[in-house]
């Protein structure tokens, strides 16, 4: 098997005000997990899906994945994102892996393909968008005088693509060193490895706060209107 898509769906979504997994929140009439699964299937280059869910949500996820016409597996995630990523990596059978946060339901098949191509060319690749806002530090409740130069700053998205063996090595090293990792690319960068950047997509928004849901709903209506 060449490529596995790993959908990280173990997050609880406390900042959204919910207690359950984000994966089962509905957007435009279907769960976030369904949006992500459909995008990976439409990409046409992912032979296996691995969905990482919280303990106690396996049956719920299985009901969504049951009709999927492709090999799929379920894994149980941990408290931190990196623990869930490790569980997904251990379950994946592909030589190449694409790790995607279920909280980004509007990922496009084209972005999935472009990240995979770049990963195969360079060993690791992530989608990014340039930072366009003025960036400052905070000093308590007030702005600090120093402005952060945004030239070269980017916002990192998922899916993030890697050689599975390389990412396993990077995560193993991070576990040995007790590192906390914000994303998968951080594990590679901590090893001194290069990670290629590919253009991300503005619609590939992350659902974190209640107001994000309104933006995503507006995008759904715009992107999928007939």
N, C-alpha and C. Protein backbone atom coordinates (compact mmCIF):
# COMPACT_ATOMS: atom_id res chain seq x y z
N UNK A 1 0.84 -1.20 0.00
CA UNK A 1 0.00 0.00 0.00
C UNK A 1 0.88 1.25 0.00
N UNK A 2 0.52 2.21 -0.85
CA UNK A 2 1.40 3.38 -0.99
C UNK A 2 1.01 4.54 -0.07
N UNK A 3 -0.28 4.90 0.01
CA UNK A 3 -0.67 6.12 0.71
C UNK A 3 -1.84 5.90 1.66
N UNK A 4 -1.68 6.38 2.89
CA UNK A 4 -2.76 6.35 3.89
C UNK A 4 -3.14 7.77 4.26
N UNK A 5 -4.43 8.01 4.34
CA UNK A 5 -4.93 9.27 4.86
C UNK A 5 -5.34 9.08 6.31
N UNK A 6 -4.77 9.88 7.20
CA UNK A 6 -5.06 9.77 8.63
C UNK A 6 -5.86 10.99 9.05
N UNK A 7 -7.10 10.77 9.45
CA UNK A 7 -7.97 11.87 9.87
C UNK A 7 -7.99 11.90 11.39
N UNK A 8 -7.46 12.97 11.96
CA UNK A 8 -7.38 13.11 13.42
C UNK A 8 -8.69 13.68 13.93
N UNK A 9 -9.48 12.83 14.58
CA UNK A 9 -10.85 13.20 14.97
C UNK A 9 -11.08 12.95 16.46
N UNK A 10 -10.02 13.05 17.26
CA UNK A 10 -10.14 12.76 18.69
C UNK A 10 -10.32 14.02 19.53
N UNK A 11 -10.29 15.21 18.90
CA UNK A 11 -10.43 16.45 19.65
C UNK A 11 -11.84 16.61 20.22
N UNK A 12 -11.92 17.19 21.42
CA UNK A 12 -13.20 17.31 22.11
C UNK A 12 -13.95 18.60 21.80
N UNK A 13 -13.27 19.63 21.33
CA UNK A 13 -13.95 20.85 20.95
C UNK A 13 -14.50 21.66 22.11
N UNK A 14 -13.72 21.74 23.21
CA UNK A 14 -14.20 22.50 24.37
C UNK A 14 -14.43 23.97 24.05
N UNK A 15 -13.60 24.53 23.18
CA UNK A 15 -13.75 25.96 22.86
C UNK A 15 -15.01 26.24 22.02
N UNK A 16 -15.59 25.16 21.50
CA UNK A 16 -16.86 25.31 20.80
C UNK A 16 -18.05 25.20 21.74
N UNK A 17 -17.75 24.87 22.99
CA UNK A 17 -18.81 24.74 23.97
C UNK A 17 -19.43 23.36 24.04
N UNK A 18 -18.85 22.41 23.27
CA UNK A 18 -19.40 21.06 23.27
C UNK A 18 -18.56 20.13 24.12
N UNK A 19 -19.11 18.96 24.41
CA UNK A 19 -18.40 17.97 25.22
C UNK A 19 -17.98 16.75 24.41
N UNK A 20 -18.60 16.55 23.27
CA UNK A 20 -18.27 15.40 22.45
C UNK A 20 -17.20 15.73 21.43
N UNK A 21 -16.91 14.75 20.59
CA UNK A 21 -15.89 14.93 19.56
C UNK A 21 -16.36 15.90 18.49
N UNK A 22 -15.45 16.73 18.00
CA UNK A 22 -15.76 17.62 16.88
C UNK A 22 -16.20 16.84 15.65
N UNK A 23 -15.70 15.62 15.52
CA UNK A 23 -15.94 14.84 14.31
C UNK A 23 -17.41 14.69 13.98
N UNK A 24 -18.27 14.74 14.99
CA UNK A 24 -19.69 14.45 14.78
C UNK A 24 -20.55 15.71 14.79
N UNK A 25 -19.92 16.88 14.92
CA UNK A 25 -20.66 18.12 14.75
C UNK A 25 -21.10 18.23 13.30
N UNK A 26 -22.30 18.71 13.09
CA UNK A 26 -22.82 18.78 11.72
C UNK A 26 -22.55 20.15 11.09
N UNK A 27 -22.23 20.10 9.82
CA UNK A 27 -22.04 21.29 9.01
C UNK A 27 -22.79 21.06 7.71
N UNK A 28 -23.77 21.89 7.43
CA UNK A 28 -24.55 21.71 6.21
C UNK A 28 -25.24 20.37 6.12
N UNK A 29 -25.63 19.81 7.27
CA UNK A 29 -26.41 18.58 7.26
C UNK A 29 -25.62 17.29 7.36
N UNK A 30 -24.30 17.36 7.50
CA UNK A 30 -23.53 16.12 7.68
C UNK A 30 -22.34 16.38 8.60
N UNK A 31 -21.86 15.34 9.27
CA UNK A 31 -20.77 15.51 10.24
C UNK A 31 -19.47 15.96 9.59
N UNK A 32 -18.65 16.65 10.37
CA UNK A 32 -17.33 17.06 9.87
C UNK A 32 -16.55 15.87 9.34
N UNK A 33 -16.64 14.75 10.03
CA UNK A 33 -15.91 13.56 9.57
C UNK A 33 -16.32 13.17 8.16
N UNK A 34 -17.60 13.24 7.85
CA UNK A 34 -18.06 12.88 6.51
C UNK A 34 -17.49 13.81 5.45
N UNK A 35 -17.43 15.12 5.75
CA UNK A 35 -16.83 16.06 4.80
C UNK A 35 -15.38 15.67 4.48
N UNK A 36 -14.62 15.34 5.52
CA UNK A 36 -13.20 15.02 5.31
C UNK A 36 -13.04 13.71 4.55
N UNK A 37 -13.82 12.71 4.93
CA UNK A 37 -13.74 11.42 4.25
C UNK A 37 -14.06 11.57 2.77
N UNK A 38 -15.09 12.32 2.44
CA UNK A 38 -15.47 12.51 1.04
C UNK A 38 -14.36 13.21 0.25
N UNK A 39 -13.68 14.17 0.86
CA UNK A 39 -12.59 14.86 0.16
C UNK A 39 -11.43 13.90 -0.12
N UNK A 40 -11.10 13.06 0.85
CA UNK A 40 -10.00 12.11 0.65
C UNK A 40 -10.36 11.07 -0.41
N UNK A 41 -11.60 10.63 -0.42
CA UNK A 41 -12.02 9.68 -1.45
C UNK A 41 -11.97 10.32 -2.83
N UNK A 42 -12.42 11.57 -2.91
CA UNK A 42 -12.44 12.26 -4.20
C UNK A 42 -11.04 12.56 -4.72
N UNK A 43 -10.06 12.66 -3.82
CA UNK A 43 -8.68 12.94 -4.26
C UNK A 43 -8.15 11.81 -5.14
N UNK A 44 -8.61 10.60 -4.88
CA UNK A 44 -8.28 9.48 -5.77
C UNK A 44 -6.90 8.88 -5.59
N UNK A 45 -6.11 9.36 -4.65
CA UNK A 45 -4.74 8.86 -4.51
C UNK A 45 -4.47 8.28 -3.13
N UNK A 46 -5.51 8.15 -2.32
CA UNK A 46 -5.37 7.61 -0.97
C UNK A 46 -6.02 6.24 -0.94
N UNK A 47 -5.24 5.21 -0.66
CA UNK A 47 -5.74 3.83 -0.74
C UNK A 47 -6.36 3.35 0.56
N UNK A 48 -6.05 4.04 1.65
CA UNK A 48 -6.53 3.61 2.96
C UNK A 48 -6.83 4.84 3.81
N UNK A 49 -7.90 4.76 4.59
CA UNK A 49 -8.22 5.81 5.55
C UNK A 49 -8.06 5.26 6.96
N UNK A 50 -7.43 6.05 7.81
CA UNK A 50 -7.34 5.75 9.24
C UNK A 50 -7.97 6.91 9.98
N UNK A 51 -9.00 6.64 10.75
CA UNK A 51 -9.68 7.69 11.51
C UNK A 51 -9.39 7.48 12.99
N UNK A 52 -8.85 8.51 13.62
CA UNK A 52 -8.47 8.44 15.03
C UNK A 52 -9.54 9.15 15.85
N UNK A 53 -10.20 8.42 16.74
CA UNK A 53 -11.34 8.94 17.48
C UNK A 53 -11.08 8.84 18.98
N UNK A 54 -11.88 9.55 19.78
CA UNK A 54 -11.73 9.44 21.24
C UNK A 54 -12.21 8.08 21.74
N UNK A 55 -11.76 7.68 22.91
CA UNK A 55 -12.32 6.46 23.51
C UNK A 55 -13.84 6.61 23.65
N UNK A 56 -14.56 5.56 23.34
CA UNK A 56 -16.01 5.59 23.47
C UNK A 56 -16.74 6.03 22.22
N UNK A 57 -16.01 6.47 21.19
CA UNK A 57 -16.66 6.96 19.96
C UNK A 57 -16.43 6.04 18.77
N UNK A 58 -15.89 4.85 19.01
CA UNK A 58 -15.55 3.94 17.92
C UNK A 58 -16.79 3.52 17.15
N UNK A 59 -17.84 3.13 17.85
CA UNK A 59 -19.05 2.66 17.17
C UNK A 59 -19.68 3.76 16.33
N UNK A 60 -19.67 4.98 16.86
CA UNK A 60 -20.26 6.11 16.14
C UNK A 60 -19.50 6.37 14.85
N UNK A 61 -18.17 6.33 14.92
CA UNK A 61 -17.36 6.54 13.72
C UNK A 61 -17.53 5.39 12.74
N UNK A 62 -17.64 4.18 13.27
CA UNK A 62 -17.81 3.02 12.39
C UNK A 62 -19.08 3.12 11.56
N UNK A 63 -20.13 3.68 12.13
CA UNK A 63 -21.39 3.81 11.40
C UNK A 63 -21.25 4.77 10.22
N UNK A 64 -20.39 5.79 10.37
CA UNK A 64 -20.15 6.73 9.28
C UNK A 64 -19.28 6.10 8.20
N UNK A 65 -18.31 5.31 8.62
CA UNK A 65 -17.35 4.74 7.68
C UNK A 65 -17.84 3.47 7.00
N UNK A 66 -18.87 2.86 7.54
CA UNK A 66 -19.33 1.57 7.01
C UNK A 66 -19.56 1.55 5.50
N UNK A 67 -20.18 2.60 4.91
CA UNK A 67 -20.41 2.55 3.46
C UNK A 67 -19.21 3.00 2.62
N UNK A 68 -18.10 3.36 3.24
CA UNK A 68 -16.94 3.87 2.48
C UNK A 68 -16.37 2.75 1.61
N UNK A 69 -16.25 2.97 0.30
CA UNK A 69 -15.80 1.92 -0.62
C UNK A 69 -14.28 1.84 -0.73
N UNK A 70 -13.63 1.85 0.38
CA UNK A 70 -12.17 1.80 0.40
C UNK A 70 -11.73 1.25 1.74
N UNK A 71 -10.51 0.73 1.81
CA UNK A 71 -10.02 0.20 3.07
C UNK A 71 -10.00 1.29 4.14
N UNK A 72 -10.45 0.97 5.34
CA UNK A 72 -10.41 1.94 6.42
C UNK A 72 -10.17 1.23 7.75
N UNK A 73 -9.63 1.99 8.69
CA UNK A 73 -9.36 1.49 10.04
C UNK A 73 -9.74 2.56 11.04
N UNK A 74 -9.98 2.14 12.26
CA UNK A 74 -10.21 3.06 13.36
C UNK A 74 -9.11 2.87 14.40
N UNK A 75 -8.67 3.98 14.96
CA UNK A 75 -7.70 3.96 16.04
C UNK A 75 -8.20 4.88 17.15
N UNK A 76 -7.79 4.60 18.36
CA UNK A 76 -8.21 5.41 19.51
C UNK A 76 -7.12 6.41 19.85
N UNK A 77 -7.49 7.68 19.92
CA UNK A 77 -6.52 8.74 20.17
C UNK A 77 -6.25 8.96 21.64
N UNK A 78 -5.38 9.95 21.90
CA UNK A 78 -4.99 10.27 23.27
C UNK A 78 -5.37 11.68 23.65
N UNK A 79 -4.81 12.15 24.75
CA UNK A 79 -5.13 13.47 25.27
C UNK A 79 -4.62 14.59 24.36
N UNK A 80 -3.42 14.40 23.78
CA UNK A 80 -2.81 15.43 22.96
C UNK A 80 -2.91 15.05 21.48
N UNK A 81 -2.83 16.08 20.63
CA UNK A 81 -2.87 15.82 19.20
C UNK A 81 -1.76 14.86 18.79
N UNK A 82 -0.56 15.05 19.35
CA UNK A 82 0.57 14.21 18.95
C UNK A 82 0.36 12.76 19.37
N UNK A 83 -0.38 12.53 20.45
CA UNK A 83 -0.69 11.15 20.85
C UNK A 83 -1.62 10.51 19.84
N UNK A 84 -2.58 11.29 19.35
CA UNK A 84 -3.51 10.78 18.33
C UNK A 84 -2.79 10.55 17.01
N UNK A 85 -1.87 11.45 16.66
CA UNK A 85 -1.09 11.26 15.44
C UNK A 85 -0.26 9.98 15.51
N UNK A 86 0.31 9.72 16.67
CA UNK A 86 1.11 8.50 16.85
C UNK A 86 0.23 7.26 16.68
N UNK A 87 -0.97 7.30 17.25
CA UNK A 87 -1.90 6.16 17.11
C UNK A 87 -2.26 5.94 15.64
N UNK A 88 -2.48 7.03 14.91
CA UNK A 88 -2.80 6.92 13.50
C UNK A 88 -1.64 6.37 12.69
N UNK A 89 -0.45 6.83 13.00
CA UNK A 89 0.74 6.35 12.29
C UNK A 89 0.97 4.86 12.52
N UNK A 90 0.77 4.42 13.75
CA UNK A 90 0.97 3.00 14.05
C UNK A 90 -0.04 2.13 13.28
N UNK A 91 -1.26 2.65 13.09
CA UNK A 91 -2.29 1.89 12.39
C UNK A 91 -2.14 1.93 10.88
N UNK A 92 -1.53 2.97 10.35
CA UNK A 92 -1.45 3.17 8.90
C UNK A 92 -0.54 2.15 8.23
N UNK A 93 -0.94 1.74 7.04
CA UNK A 93 -0.14 0.77 6.31
C UNK A 93 0.60 1.35 5.12
N UNK A 94 0.38 2.63 4.81
CA UNK A 94 0.99 3.23 3.64
C UNK A 94 2.42 3.68 3.86
N UNK A 95 3.19 3.70 2.79
CA UNK A 95 4.56 4.24 2.86
C UNK A 95 4.55 5.76 2.99
N UNK A 96 3.46 6.37 2.50
CA UNK A 96 3.27 7.82 2.61
C UNK A 96 1.98 8.06 3.40
N UNK A 97 2.01 9.10 4.22
CA UNK A 97 0.85 9.40 5.06
C UNK A 97 0.48 10.88 4.93
N UNK A 98 -0.81 11.13 4.97
CA UNK A 98 -1.35 12.48 4.99
C UNK A 98 -2.17 12.61 6.27
N UNK A 99 -1.75 13.50 7.17
CA UNK A 99 -2.46 13.68 8.43
C UNK A 99 -3.29 14.95 8.35
N UNK A 100 -4.58 14.79 8.66
CA UNK A 100 -5.51 15.91 8.50
C UNK A 100 -6.39 16.06 9.73
N UNK A 101 -6.59 17.31 10.16
CA UNK A 101 -7.45 17.60 11.30
C UNK A 101 -8.91 17.61 10.85
N UNK A 102 -9.75 16.85 11.52
CA UNK A 102 -11.17 16.79 11.15
C UNK A 102 -11.83 18.16 11.28
N UNK A 103 -11.21 19.05 12.06
CA UNK A 103 -11.76 20.40 12.24
C UNK A 103 -11.61 21.27 11.01
N UNK A 104 -10.98 20.74 9.95
CA UNK A 104 -10.89 21.46 8.66
C UNK A 104 -11.73 20.69 7.64
N UNK A 105 -13.05 20.85 7.69
CA UNK A 105 -13.93 20.00 6.87
C UNK A 105 -13.96 20.35 5.39
N UNK A 106 -13.53 21.55 5.01
CA UNK A 106 -13.65 21.96 3.61
C UNK A 106 -12.33 21.81 2.84
N UNK A 107 -11.47 20.93 3.31
CA UNK A 107 -10.26 20.62 2.55
C UNK A 107 -10.68 20.12 1.17
N UNK A 108 -9.95 20.54 0.14
CA UNK A 108 -10.32 20.13 -1.21
C UNK A 108 -9.50 18.93 -1.67
N UNK A 109 -10.05 18.12 -2.56
CA UNK A 109 -9.27 17.02 -3.14
C UNK A 109 -8.00 17.52 -3.83
N UNK A 110 -8.06 18.69 -4.45
CA UNK A 110 -6.87 19.23 -5.12
C UNK A 110 -5.76 19.51 -4.12
N UNK A 111 -6.09 20.09 -2.97
CA UNK A 111 -5.07 20.35 -1.96
C UNK A 111 -4.45 19.06 -1.45
N UNK A 112 -5.27 18.05 -1.25
CA UNK A 112 -4.76 16.75 -0.81
C UNK A 112 -3.75 16.20 -1.82
N UNK A 113 -4.10 16.30 -3.11
CA UNK A 113 -3.19 15.80 -4.14
C UNK A 113 -1.89 16.60 -4.20
N UNK A 114 -2.01 17.93 -4.07
CA UNK A 114 -0.81 18.77 -4.16
C UNK A 114 0.14 18.53 -2.99
N UNK A 115 -0.40 18.36 -1.80
CA UNK A 115 0.45 18.08 -0.64
C UNK A 115 1.13 16.73 -0.80
N UNK A 116 0.39 15.75 -1.28
CA UNK A 116 0.99 14.42 -1.47
C UNK A 116 2.11 14.46 -2.49
N UNK A 117 1.91 15.16 -3.60
CA UNK A 117 2.97 15.26 -4.62
C UNK A 117 4.22 15.91 -4.04
N UNK A 118 4.04 16.97 -3.29
CA UNK A 118 5.19 17.67 -2.71
C UNK A 118 5.89 16.80 -1.67
N UNK A 119 5.11 16.05 -0.89
CA UNK A 119 5.71 15.17 0.11
C UNK A 119 6.57 14.10 -0.56
N UNK A 120 6.06 13.54 -1.65
CA UNK A 120 6.82 12.51 -2.35
C UNK A 120 8.10 13.08 -2.98
N UNK A 121 8.06 14.34 -3.35
CA UNK A 121 9.24 14.98 -3.95
C UNK A 121 10.28 15.36 -2.91
N UNK A 122 9.83 15.70 -1.69
CA UNK A 122 10.74 16.27 -0.69
C UNK A 122 10.80 15.49 0.63
N UNK A 123 9.94 14.52 0.79
CA UNK A 123 9.91 13.76 2.04
C UNK A 123 8.90 14.27 3.04
N UNK A 124 8.58 15.56 2.96
CA UNK A 124 7.61 16.15 3.89
C UNK A 124 7.09 17.44 3.27
N UNK A 125 5.79 17.71 3.46
CA UNK A 125 5.20 18.92 2.89
C UNK A 125 3.96 19.31 3.68
N UNK A 126 3.74 20.63 3.78
CA UNK A 126 2.54 21.14 4.46
C UNK A 126 1.97 22.30 3.65
N UNK A 127 0.66 22.53 3.72
CA UNK A 127 0.06 23.69 3.07
C UNK A 127 0.13 24.92 3.98
N UNK A 128 0.40 26.08 3.38
CA UNK A 128 0.52 27.30 4.17
C UNK A 128 -0.19 28.46 3.45
N UNK A 129 -0.57 29.44 4.25
CA UNK A 129 -1.08 30.71 3.74
C UNK A 129 -0.24 31.83 4.34
N UNK A 130 0.05 32.88 3.58
CA UNK A 130 0.84 33.98 4.13
C UNK A 130 0.08 34.71 5.23
N UNK A 131 0.81 35.19 6.23
CA UNK A 131 0.21 36.03 7.28
C UNK A 131 0.05 37.44 6.71
N UNK A 132 -1.17 37.94 6.71
CA UNK A 132 -1.43 39.25 6.09
C UNK A 132 -1.75 40.33 7.12
N UNK A 133 -2.05 39.96 8.35
CA UNK A 133 -2.38 40.94 9.37
C UNK A 133 -1.12 41.47 10.05
N UNK A 134 -1.23 42.64 10.63
CA UNK A 134 -0.14 43.15 11.47
C UNK A 134 0.00 42.25 12.69
N UNK A 135 1.23 41.87 13.00
CA UNK A 135 1.50 40.95 14.10
C UNK A 135 2.20 41.70 15.23
N UNK A 136 1.65 41.60 16.44
CA UNK A 136 2.25 42.22 17.62
C UNK A 136 2.23 41.25 18.79
N UNK A 137 3.12 41.52 19.76
CA UNK A 137 3.09 40.80 21.02
C UNK A 137 2.16 41.51 21.99
N UNK A 138 1.65 40.76 22.97
CA UNK A 138 0.88 41.37 24.05
C UNK A 138 1.74 41.49 25.29
N UNK A 139 1.52 42.57 26.03
CA UNK A 139 2.14 42.76 27.34
C UNK A 139 0.99 42.86 28.33
N UNK A 140 0.60 41.71 28.89
CA UNK A 140 -0.59 41.69 29.73
C UNK A 140 -1.82 41.94 28.89
N UNK A 141 -2.59 42.99 29.24
CA UNK A 141 -3.80 43.31 28.50
C UNK A 141 -3.57 44.38 27.43
N UNK A 142 -2.31 44.74 27.21
CA UNK A 142 -2.01 45.84 26.30
C UNK A 142 -1.03 45.39 25.22
N UNK A 143 -1.02 46.14 24.13
CA UNK A 143 -0.08 45.84 23.05
C UNK A 143 1.33 46.23 23.45
N UNK A 144 2.27 45.35 23.16
CA UNK A 144 3.68 45.69 23.35
C UNK A 144 4.13 46.55 22.17
N UNK A 145 5.14 47.41 22.38
CA UNK A 145 5.55 48.32 21.31
C UNK A 145 6.11 47.60 20.07
N UNK A 146 6.71 46.44 20.29
CA UNK A 146 7.40 45.78 19.19
C UNK A 146 6.42 45.16 18.20
N UNK A 147 6.61 45.44 16.92
CA UNK A 147 5.84 44.81 15.85
C UNK A 147 6.62 43.64 15.29
N UNK A 148 5.95 42.53 15.12
CA UNK A 148 6.60 41.35 14.56
C UNK A 148 6.58 41.46 13.04
N UNK A 149 7.75 41.37 12.45
CA UNK A 149 7.84 41.45 10.99
C UNK A 149 7.15 40.24 10.37
N UNK A 150 6.09 40.48 9.57
CA UNK A 150 5.33 39.36 9.03
C UNK A 150 5.93 38.83 7.73
N UNK A 151 6.98 39.45 7.21
CA UNK A 151 7.62 38.95 6.00
C UNK A 151 8.12 37.52 6.26
N UNK A 152 7.65 36.59 5.49
CA UNK A 152 8.06 35.20 5.66
C UNK A 152 7.21 34.42 6.64
N UNK A 153 6.32 35.08 7.39
CA UNK A 153 5.44 34.36 8.31
C UNK A 153 4.29 33.70 7.54
N UNK A 154 3.94 32.50 7.94
CA UNK A 154 2.83 31.79 7.29
C UNK A 154 1.94 31.15 8.34
N UNK A 155 0.70 30.88 7.93
CA UNK A 155 -0.23 30.10 8.74
C UNK A 155 -0.26 28.68 8.17
N UNK A 156 -0.04 27.71 9.02
CA UNK A 156 0.09 26.33 8.58
C UNK A 156 -1.25 25.61 8.68
N UNK A 157 -1.57 24.85 7.63
CA UNK A 157 -2.82 24.09 7.58
C UNK A 157 -2.52 22.59 7.57
N UNK A 158 -3.56 21.82 7.43
CA UNK A 158 -3.45 20.39 7.13
C UNK A 158 -4.29 20.13 5.89
N UNK A 159 -4.06 19.03 5.16
CA UNK A 159 -3.26 17.86 5.53
C UNK A 159 -1.76 18.11 5.40
N UNK A 160 -1.02 17.41 6.25
CA UNK A 160 0.43 17.45 6.19
C UNK A 160 0.91 16.08 5.75
N UNK A 161 1.80 16.07 4.75
CA UNK A 161 2.20 14.82 4.13
C UNK A 161 3.65 14.46 4.42
N UNK A 162 3.91 13.15 4.62
CA UNK A 162 5.25 12.70 5.00
C UNK A 162 5.51 11.27 4.53
N UNK A 163 6.80 10.96 4.43
CA UNK A 163 7.21 9.57 4.43
C UNK A 163 6.86 9.00 5.81
N UNK A 164 6.13 7.91 5.84
CA UNK A 164 5.70 7.36 7.13
C UNK A 164 6.90 7.02 8.01
N UNK A 165 7.92 6.39 7.45
CA UNK A 165 9.10 6.01 8.24
C UNK A 165 9.78 7.24 8.84
N UNK A 166 9.86 8.31 8.05
CA UNK A 166 10.51 9.53 8.53
C UNK A 166 9.71 10.17 9.67
N UNK A 167 8.39 10.21 9.52
CA UNK A 167 7.57 10.82 10.56
C UNK A 167 7.56 9.97 11.83
N UNK A 168 7.54 8.64 11.68
CA UNK A 168 7.62 7.77 12.85
C UNK A 168 8.91 8.01 13.62
N UNK A 169 10.01 8.15 12.90
CA UNK A 169 11.29 8.42 13.54
C UNK A 169 11.24 9.75 14.29
N UNK A 170 10.68 10.77 13.66
CA UNK A 170 10.61 12.09 14.27
C UNK A 170 9.73 12.08 15.52
N UNK A 171 8.60 11.40 15.44
CA UNK A 171 7.72 11.32 16.61
C UNK A 171 8.34 10.50 17.73
N UNK A 172 9.04 9.44 17.38
CA UNK A 172 9.72 8.64 18.39
C UNK A 172 10.75 9.47 19.13
N UNK A 173 11.50 10.26 18.39
CA UNK A 173 12.51 11.14 19.01
C UNK A 173 11.84 12.17 19.91
N UNK A 174 10.72 12.73 19.45
CA UNK A 174 9.99 13.71 20.26
C UNK A 174 9.47 13.09 21.55
N UNK A 175 9.00 11.84 21.48
CA UNK A 175 8.53 11.15 22.68
C UNK A 175 9.67 10.92 23.66
N UNK A 176 10.82 10.54 23.14
CA UNK A 176 11.98 10.31 24.01
C UNK A 176 12.43 11.59 24.70
N UNK A 177 12.30 12.72 24.01
CA UNK A 177 12.74 14.01 24.53
C UNK A 177 11.64 14.75 25.30
N UNK A 178 10.44 14.18 25.34
CA UNK A 178 9.34 14.83 26.04
C UNK A 178 8.87 16.12 25.41
N UNK A 179 8.96 16.22 24.11
CA UNK A 179 8.57 17.44 23.41
C UNK A 179 7.05 17.52 23.24
N UNK A 180 6.50 18.72 23.38
CA UNK A 180 5.12 18.98 22.99
C UNK A 180 5.14 19.56 21.59
N UNK A 181 4.33 19.02 20.71
CA UNK A 181 4.36 19.39 19.30
C UNK A 181 3.04 20.01 18.87
N UNK A 182 3.06 21.19 18.26
CA UNK A 182 1.81 21.80 17.80
C UNK A 182 1.24 21.12 16.56
N UNK A 183 2.11 20.51 15.75
CA UNK A 183 1.66 19.79 14.56
C UNK A 183 2.71 18.79 14.16
N UNK A 184 2.47 18.10 13.07
CA UNK A 184 3.37 17.04 12.64
C UNK A 184 4.68 17.58 12.08
N UNK A 185 4.60 18.69 11.37
CA UNK A 185 5.81 19.28 10.81
C UNK A 185 6.82 19.63 11.90
N UNK A 186 6.33 20.00 13.08
CA UNK A 186 7.23 20.36 14.18
C UNK A 186 8.15 19.21 14.56
N UNK A 187 7.64 17.98 14.44
CA UNK A 187 8.47 16.82 14.76
C UNK A 187 9.64 16.71 13.79
N UNK A 188 9.38 16.95 12.49
CA UNK A 188 10.45 16.90 11.49
C UNK A 188 11.44 18.03 11.69
N UNK A 189 10.93 19.23 11.93
CA UNK A 189 11.80 20.39 12.09
C UNK A 189 12.71 20.22 13.31
N UNK A 190 12.20 19.58 14.36
CA UNK A 190 13.01 19.34 15.55
C UNK A 190 14.17 18.39 15.26
N UNK A 191 14.01 17.56 14.21
CA UNK A 191 15.09 16.66 13.79
C UNK A 191 16.08 17.35 12.85
N UNK A 192 15.77 18.58 12.48
CA UNK A 192 16.61 19.28 11.53
C UNK A 192 16.29 18.95 10.09
N UNK A 193 15.12 18.35 9.84
CA UNK A 193 14.71 18.00 8.48
C UNK A 193 13.97 19.16 7.83
N UNK A 194 14.03 19.22 6.51
CA UNK A 194 13.33 20.27 5.76
C UNK A 194 11.91 19.82 5.46
N UNK A 195 11.00 20.78 5.51
CA UNK A 195 9.59 20.52 5.21
C UNK A 195 9.17 21.49 4.12
N UNK A 196 8.72 20.96 3.00
CA UNK A 196 8.32 21.81 1.88
C UNK A 196 6.97 22.48 2.17
N UNK A 197 6.82 23.70 1.65
CA UNK A 197 5.58 24.45 1.81
C UNK A 197 4.87 24.53 0.46
N UNK A 198 3.58 24.24 0.45
CA UNK A 198 2.77 24.37 -0.75
C UNK A 198 1.63 25.35 -0.45
N UNK A 199 1.11 26.03 -1.46
CA UNK A 199 0.04 26.99 -1.20
C UNK A 199 -1.20 26.32 -0.61
N UNK A 200 -1.66 26.86 0.51
CA UNK A 200 -2.88 26.36 1.11
C UNK A 200 -4.11 26.99 0.47
N UNK A 201 -5.25 26.82 1.13
CA UNK A 201 -6.50 27.35 0.60
C UNK A 201 -7.24 28.13 1.68
N UNK A 202 -7.73 29.34 1.33
CA UNK A 202 -8.47 30.13 2.32
C UNK A 202 -9.71 29.42 2.86
N UNK A 203 -10.35 28.58 2.05
CA UNK A 203 -11.56 27.89 2.50
C UNK A 203 -11.26 26.74 3.45
N UNK A 204 -10.00 26.39 3.57
CA UNK A 204 -9.60 25.27 4.44
C UNK A 204 -9.50 25.76 5.89
N UNK A 205 -10.59 26.35 6.36
CA UNK A 205 -10.63 26.95 7.69
C UNK A 205 -10.70 25.89 8.77
N UNK A 206 -10.19 26.23 9.94
CA UNK A 206 -10.26 25.33 11.09
C UNK A 206 -11.39 25.75 12.01
N UNK A 207 -12.24 24.82 12.36
CA UNK A 207 -13.35 25.08 13.27
C UNK A 207 -12.84 25.00 14.70
N UNK A 208 -12.71 26.18 15.33
CA UNK A 208 -12.21 26.25 16.70
C UNK A 208 -13.21 26.93 17.62
N UNK A 209 -13.79 28.04 17.16
CA UNK A 209 -14.72 28.82 17.96
C UNK A 209 -16.09 28.84 17.29
N UNK A 210 -17.15 29.15 18.06
CA UNK A 210 -18.50 29.17 17.47
C UNK A 210 -18.62 30.04 16.23
N UNK A 211 -17.92 31.18 16.21
CA UNK A 211 -18.03 32.06 15.04
C UNK A 211 -17.42 31.44 13.78
N UNK A 212 -16.48 30.50 13.96
CA UNK A 212 -15.90 29.80 12.81
C UNK A 212 -16.96 28.96 12.10
N UNK A 213 -17.88 28.43 12.86
CA UNK A 213 -18.94 27.61 12.27
C UNK A 213 -19.80 28.43 11.32
N UNK A 214 -20.07 29.69 11.69
CA UNK A 214 -20.86 30.56 10.83
C UNK A 214 -20.12 30.83 9.51
N UNK A 215 -18.80 31.03 9.60
CA UNK A 215 -18.01 31.26 8.39
C UNK A 215 -18.02 30.03 7.49
N UNK A 216 -17.86 28.86 8.11
CA UNK A 216 -17.85 27.63 7.33
C UNK A 216 -19.20 27.37 6.67
N UNK A 217 -20.27 27.67 7.38
CA UNK A 217 -21.60 27.50 6.79
C UNK A 217 -21.80 28.42 5.59
N UNK A 218 -21.30 29.65 5.72
CA UNK A 218 -21.39 30.59 4.60
C UNK A 218 -20.59 30.07 3.40
N UNK A 219 -19.42 29.50 3.66
CA UNK A 219 -18.61 28.94 2.58
C UNK A 219 -19.31 27.75 1.93
N UNK A 220 -19.92 26.91 2.75
CA UNK A 220 -20.65 25.75 2.20
C UNK A 220 -21.74 26.22 1.25
N UNK A 221 -22.49 27.22 1.67
CA UNK A 221 -23.58 27.73 0.83
C UNK A 221 -23.05 28.32 -0.47
N UNK A 222 -21.88 28.97 -0.40
CA UNK A 222 -21.30 29.59 -1.58
C UNK A 222 -20.64 28.56 -2.52
N UNK A 223 -19.91 27.62 -1.92
CA UNK A 223 -19.17 26.65 -2.73
C UNK A 223 -20.05 25.59 -3.34
N UNK A 224 -21.15 25.25 -2.65
CA UNK A 224 -21.94 24.10 -3.09
C UNK A 224 -23.35 24.49 -3.55
N UNK A 225 -23.57 25.77 -3.80
CA UNK A 225 -24.87 26.16 -4.30
C UNK A 225 -25.01 25.73 -5.75
N UNK A 226 -26.21 25.42 -6.16
CA UNK A 226 -26.46 24.94 -7.55
C UNK A 226 -27.00 26.07 -8.40
